[in-house]
């Protein structure tokens, strides 16, 4: 198993109602357990959302063709891709009632926070690799992100 697979297993385990997980693939063994030292009433708030089942059946989603009228094909090659360094959940804003970190057309500085990726309840700031302008935001707030998926297209200044 590689790190990507382990992180994905941990994320799904954490979001599930399972208390124990044991997986063995090609001689590699992975185990995860949740503590049972306190009653469930102490662990869970009354208004907390119920855990999702571990196995999720999701319908196939069609990949929509990008709107080429926004960015001509030849200009896409000149843009810098900001890719997800890990598997997680994309958050465009620091909090529910707050403005997004960046909007389409914003000018950004190198090191400026573009978004947050949550992985295993850890918030990871994703920063701009260069000075530039946000030309396209490819993710929606709260959307799941796979490793290496392009989240932003930047035009270098």
C-alpha atoms as a PDB file:
ATOM      1  CA  UNK A   1       0.000   0.000   0.000  1.00  0.00           C
ATOM      2  CA  UNK A   2       1.240   3.466  -0.726  1.00  0.00           C
ATOM      3  CA  UNK A   3       0.697   6.587   1.382  1.00  0.00           C
ATOM      4  CA  UNK A   4      -2.200   7.790  -0.784  1.00  0.00           C
ATOM      5  CA  UNK A   5      -4.123   4.560  -0.222  1.00  0.00           C
ATOM      6  CA  UNK A   6      -3.442   4.625   3.527  1.00  0.00           C
ATOM      7  CA  UNK A   7      -4.615   8.241   3.848  1.00  0.00           C
ATOM      8  CA  UNK A   8      -7.768   7.450   1.884  1.00  0.00           C
ATOM      9  CA  UNK A   9      -8.483   4.449   4.138  1.00  0.00           C
ATOM     10  CA  UNK A  10      -7.946   6.573   7.259  1.00  0.00           C
ATOM     11  CA  UNK A  11     -10.223   9.328   5.970  1.00  0.00           C
ATOM     12  CA  UNK A  12     -13.011   6.875   5.144  1.00  0.00           C
ATOM     13  CA  UNK A  13     -12.547   5.074   8.466  1.00  0.00           C
ATOM     14  CA  UNK A  14     -12.749   8.357  10.371  1.00  0.00           C
ATOM     15  CA  UNK A  15     -15.948   9.354   8.555  1.00  0.00           C
ATOM     16  CA  UNK A  16     -17.557   5.963   9.138  1.00  0.00           C
ATOM     17  CA  UNK A  17     -19.306   4.357  12.081  1.00  0.00           C
ATOM     18  CA  UNK A  18     -16.779   1.485  12.242  1.00  0.00           C
ATOM     19  CA  UNK A  19     -14.768   0.955  15.429  1.00  0.00           C
ATOM     20  CA  UNK A  20     -12.102  -1.276  13.901  1.00  0.00           C
ATOM     21  CA  UNK A  21     -10.559  -1.753  10.463  1.00  0.00           C
ATOM     22  CA  UNK A  22      -8.003  -4.338   9.407  1.00  0.00           C
ATOM     23  CA  UNK A  23      -6.756  -4.609   5.797  1.00  0.00           C
ATOM     24  CA  UNK A  24      -4.049  -6.874   4.415  1.00  0.00           C
ATOM     25  CA  UNK A  25      -2.891  -6.417   0.816  1.00  0.00           C
ATOM     26  CA  UNK A  26       0.162  -8.024  -0.764  1.00  0.00           C
ATOM     27  CA  UNK A  27       1.712  -8.725   2.626  1.00  0.00           C
ATOM     28  CA  UNK A  28       1.110  -5.179   3.939  1.00  0.00           C
ATOM     29  CA  UNK A  29      -1.074  -5.001   7.041  1.00  0.00           C
ATOM     30  CA  UNK A  30      -3.046  -1.900   8.028  1.00  0.00           C
ATOM     31  CA  UNK A  31      -5.028  -1.701  11.294  1.00  0.00           C
ATOM     32  CA  UNK A  32      -7.061   1.142  12.764  1.00  0.00           C
ATOM     33  CA  UNK A  33      -9.131   1.118  15.968  1.00  0.00           C
ATOM     34  CA  UNK A  34     -11.232   3.636  17.815  1.00  0.00           C
ATOM     35  CA  UNK A  35     -11.081   3.899  21.589  1.00  0.00           C
ATOM     36  CA  UNK A  36     -14.057   2.566  23.505  1.00  0.00           C
ATOM     37  CA  UNK A  37     -13.057   3.991  26.887  1.00  0.00           C
ATOM     38  CA  UNK A  38     -16.014   6.416  27.214  1.00  0.00           C
ATOM     39  CA  UNK A  39     -19.721   5.864  26.590  1.00  0.00           C
ATOM     40  CA  UNK A  40     -21.093   7.071  23.247  1.00  0.00           C
ATOM     41  CA  UNK A  41     -23.084   9.825  24.987  1.00  0.00           C
ATOM     42  CA  UNK A  42     -19.841  11.505  26.019  1.00  0.00           C
ATOM     43  CA  UNK A  43     -18.243  11.247  22.549  1.00  0.00           C
ATOM     44  CA  UNK A  44     -21.169  12.561  20.550  1.00  0.00           C
ATOM     45  CA  UNK A  45     -22.987  15.846  20.898  1.00  0.00           C
ATOM     46  CA  UNK A  46     -26.769  15.691  20.624  1.00  0.00           C
ATOM     47  CA  UNK A  47     -26.781  17.858  17.497  1.00  0.00           C
ATOM     48  CA  UNK A  48     -23.819  16.093  15.866  1.00  0.00           C
ATOM     49  CA  UNK A  49     -24.354  14.703  12.386  1.00  0.00           C
ATOM     50  CA  UNK A  50     -24.564  10.911  12.162  1.00  0.00           C
ATOM     51  CA  UNK A  51     -21.572   9.078  10.722  1.00  0.00           C
ATOM     52  CA  UNK A  52     -21.768   8.040   7.113  1.00  0.00           C
ATOM     53  CA  UNK A  53     -21.596   4.341   6.280  1.00  0.00           C
ATOM     54  CA  UNK A  54     -18.094   3.145   5.388  1.00  0.00           C
ATOM     55  CA  UNK A  55     -19.061   1.835   1.956  1.00  0.00           C
ATOM     56  CA  UNK A  56     -20.485   4.568  -0.215  1.00  0.00           C
ATOM     57  CA  UNK A  57     -22.240   3.849  -3.472  1.00  0.00           C
ATOM     58  CA  UNK A  58     -21.929   6.974  -5.547  1.00  0.00           C
ATOM     59  CA  UNK A  59     -23.477   7.280  -8.987  1.00  0.00           C
ATOM     60  CA  UNK A  60     -21.161   7.824 -11.901  1.00  0.00           C
ATOM     61  CA  UNK A  61     -20.676  11.510 -12.531  1.00  0.00           C
ATOM     62  CA  UNK A  62     -20.204  12.871 -16.002  1.00  0.00           C
ATOM     63  CA  UNK A  63     -17.157  15.020 -16.535  1.00  0.00           C
ATOM     64  CA  UNK A  64     -18.370  18.182 -18.133  1.00  0.00           C
ATOM     65  CA  UNK A  65     -16.274  19.719 -20.848  1.00  0.00           C
ATOM     66  CA  UNK A  66     -14.710  22.945 -19.649  1.00  0.00           C
ATOM     67  CA  UNK A  67     -16.187  26.111 -21.055  1.00  0.00           C
ATOM     68  CA  UNK A  68     -13.597  27.008 -23.678  1.00  0.00           C
ATOM     69  CA  UNK A  69     -15.125  30.464 -24.124  1.00  0.00           C
ATOM     70  CA  UNK A  70     -13.683  31.509 -20.760  1.00  0.00           C
ATOM     71  CA  UNK A  71     -10.102  30.531 -21.593  1.00  0.00           C
ATOM     72  CA  UNK A  72      -8.890  29.870 -25.125  1.00  0.00           C
ATOM     73  CA  UNK A  73      -7.140  26.505 -25.485  1.00  0.00           C
ATOM     74  CA  UNK A  74      -3.811  28.091 -26.408  1.00  0.00           C
ATOM     75  CA  UNK A  75      -3.782  30.186 -23.215  1.00  0.00           C
ATOM     76  CA  UNK A  76      -4.276  27.081 -21.016  1.00  0.00           C
ATOM     77  CA  UNK A  77      -0.738  25.946 -21.816  1.00  0.00           C
ATOM     78  CA  UNK A  78       0.696  29.187 -20.406  1.00  0.00           C
ATOM     79  CA  UNK A  79      -1.154  28.903 -17.096  1.00  0.00           C
ATOM     80  CA  UNK A  80       0.314  27.452 -13.902  1.00  0.00           C
ATOM     81  CA  UNK A  81      -1.639  24.602 -12.347  1.00  0.00           C
ATOM     82  CA  UNK A  82      -2.028  24.463  -8.581  1.00  0.00           C
ATOM     83  CA  UNK A  83      -2.548  20.773  -7.810  1.00  0.00           C
ATOM     84  CA  UNK A  84      -3.705  19.079  -4.617  1.00  0.00           C
ATOM     85  CA  UNK A  85      -0.712  17.740  -2.655  1.00  0.00           C
ATOM     86  CA  UNK A  86      -2.960  15.302  -0.773  1.00  0.00           C
ATOM     87  CA  UNK A  87      -6.401  13.717  -0.679  1.00  0.00           C
ATOM     88  CA  UNK A  88      -8.905  15.797   1.256  1.00  0.00           C
ATOM     89  CA  UNK A  89     -11.821  18.199   1.249  1.00  0.00           C
ATOM     90  CA  UNK A  90     -11.482  21.561  -0.526  1.00  0.00           C
ATOM     91  CA  UNK A  91     -12.518  24.674   1.392  1.00  0.00           C
ATOM     92  CA  UNK A  92     -12.500  28.004  -0.430  1.00  0.00           C
ATOM     93  CA  UNK A  93     -13.093  30.045   2.730  1.00  0.00           C
ATOM     94  CA  UNK A  94     -11.742  29.997   6.292  1.00  0.00           C
ATOM     95  CA  UNK A  95     -15.235  29.747   7.803  1.00  0.00           C
ATOM     96  CA  UNK A  96     -18.881  29.408   6.775  1.00  0.00           C
ATOM     97  CA  UNK A  97     -19.733  33.092   7.125  1.00  0.00           C
ATOM     98  CA  UNK A  98     -16.444  34.415   5.742  1.00  0.00           C
ATOM     99  CA  UNK A  99     -15.335  35.525   2.285  1.00  0.00           C
ATOM    100  CA  UNK A 100     -13.343  33.108   0.089  1.00  0.00           C
ATOM    101  CA  UNK A 101      -9.554  33.259   0.237  1.00  0.00           C
ATOM    102  CA  UNK A 102      -9.502  34.159  -3.485  1.00  0.00           C
ATOM    103  CA  UNK A 103     -11.985  34.876  -6.261  1.00  0.00           C
ATOM    104  CA  UNK A 104     -11.747  34.553 -10.024  1.00  0.00           C
ATOM    105  CA  UNK A 105      -9.613  37.396 -11.372  1.00  0.00           C
ATOM    106  CA  UNK A 106      -7.900  38.193  -8.053  1.00  0.00           C
ATOM    107  CA  UNK A 107      -4.214  39.080  -8.077  1.00  0.00           C
ATOM    108  CA  UNK A 108      -2.241  36.911  -5.657  1.00  0.00           C
ATOM    109  CA  UNK A 109       1.255  37.042  -4.201  1.00  0.00           C
ATOM    110  CA  UNK A 110       3.618  34.095  -3.841  1.00  0.00           C
ATOM    111  CA  UNK A 111       2.802  32.325  -0.564  1.00  0.00           C
ATOM    112  CA  UNK A 112      -0.734  33.756  -0.305  1.00  0.00           C
ATOM    113  CA  UNK A 113      -3.317  31.209   0.900  1.00  0.00           C
ATOM    114  CA  UNK A 114      -5.570  30.043  -1.937  1.00  0.00           C
ATOM    115  CA  UNK A 115      -7.638  27.447  -0.061  1.00  0.00           C
ATOM    116  CA  UNK A 116      -7.627  24.888   2.709  1.00  0.00           C
ATOM    117  CA  UNK A 117      -7.509  21.128   2.215  1.00  0.00           C
ATOM    118  CA  UNK A 118      -8.823  19.154   5.162  1.00  0.00           C
ATOM    119  CA  UNK A 119      -7.357  15.697   5.590  1.00  0.00           C
ATOM    120  CA  UNK A 120      -8.104  13.625   8.697  1.00  0.00           C
ATOM    121  CA  UNK A 121      -9.381  16.684  10.583  1.00  0.00           C
ATOM    122  CA  UNK A 122      -6.137  18.596   9.866  1.00  0.00           C
ATOM    123  CA  UNK A 123      -6.492  21.868   7.951  1.00  0.00           C
ATOM    124  CA  UNK A 124      -3.710  22.332   5.375  1.00  0.00           C
ATOM    125  CA  UNK A 125      -3.257  25.763   3.796  1.00  0.00           C
ATOM    126  CA  UNK A 126      -2.512  25.630   0.076  1.00  0.00           C
ATOM    127  CA  UNK A 127      -0.447  28.642  -0.970  1.00  0.00           C
ATOM    128  CA  UNK A 128       0.226  30.274  -4.303  1.00  0.00           C
ATOM    129  CA  UNK A 129       3.478  29.086  -5.911  1.00  0.00           C
ATOM    130  CA  UNK A 130       4.038  32.472  -7.592  1.00  0.00           C
ATOM    131  CA  UNK A 131       2.752  36.009  -8.048  1.00  0.00           C
ATOM    132  CA  UNK A 132      -0.105  36.009 -10.516  1.00  0.00           C
ATOM    133  CA  UNK A 133      -3.789  36.231 -11.302  1.00  0.00           C
ATOM    134  CA  UNK A 134      -6.483  33.607 -10.628  1.00  0.00           C
ATOM    135  CA  UNK A 135      -7.737  32.593 -14.080  1.00  0.00           C
ATOM    136  CA  UNK A 136      -9.854  29.586 -13.125  1.00  0.00           C
ATOM    137  CA  UNK A 137     -11.099  27.917  -9.923  1.00  0.00           C
ATOM    138  CA  UNK A 138     -11.794  24.276 -10.700  1.00  0.00           C
ATOM    139  CA  UNK A 139     -13.168  23.141  -7.313  1.00  0.00           C
ATOM    140  CA  UNK A 140     -16.328  23.896  -5.342  1.00  0.00           C
ATOM    141  CA  UNK A 141     -16.384  24.546  -1.612  1.00  0.00           C
ATOM    142  CA  UNK A 142     -16.713  21.276   0.316  1.00  0.00           C
ATOM    143  CA  UNK A 143     -15.811  19.105  -2.693  1.00  0.00           C
ATOM    144  CA  UNK A 144     -13.594  16.038  -2.285  1.00  0.00           C
ATOM    145  CA  UNK A 145     -10.160  16.366  -3.877  1.00  0.00           C
ATOM    146  CA  UNK A 146      -7.879  13.580  -5.060  1.00  0.00           C
ATOM    147  CA  UNK A 147      -4.094  13.722  -4.935  1.00  0.00           C
ATOM    148  CA  UNK A 148      -2.722  15.644  -7.918  1.00  0.00           C
ATOM    149  CA  UNK A 149      -6.069  17.115  -9.002  1.00  0.00           C
ATOM    150  CA  UNK A 150      -5.799  20.638 -10.423  1.00  0.00           C
ATOM    151  CA  UNK A 151      -7.621  23.121  -8.179  1.00  0.00           C
ATOM    152  CA  UNK A 152      -6.600  26.493  -9.659  1.00  0.00           C
ATOM    153  CA  UNK A 153      -5.124  27.885 -12.859  1.00  0.00           C
ATOM    154  CA  UNK A 154      -2.879  30.918 -12.370  1.00  0.00           C
ATOM    155  CA  UNK A 155      -1.484  33.369 -14.868  1.00  0.00           C
ATOM    156  CA  UNK A 156       2.020  34.239 -13.712  1.00  0.00           C
ATOM    157  CA  UNK A 157       2.665  37.952 -13.292  1.00  0.00           C
END
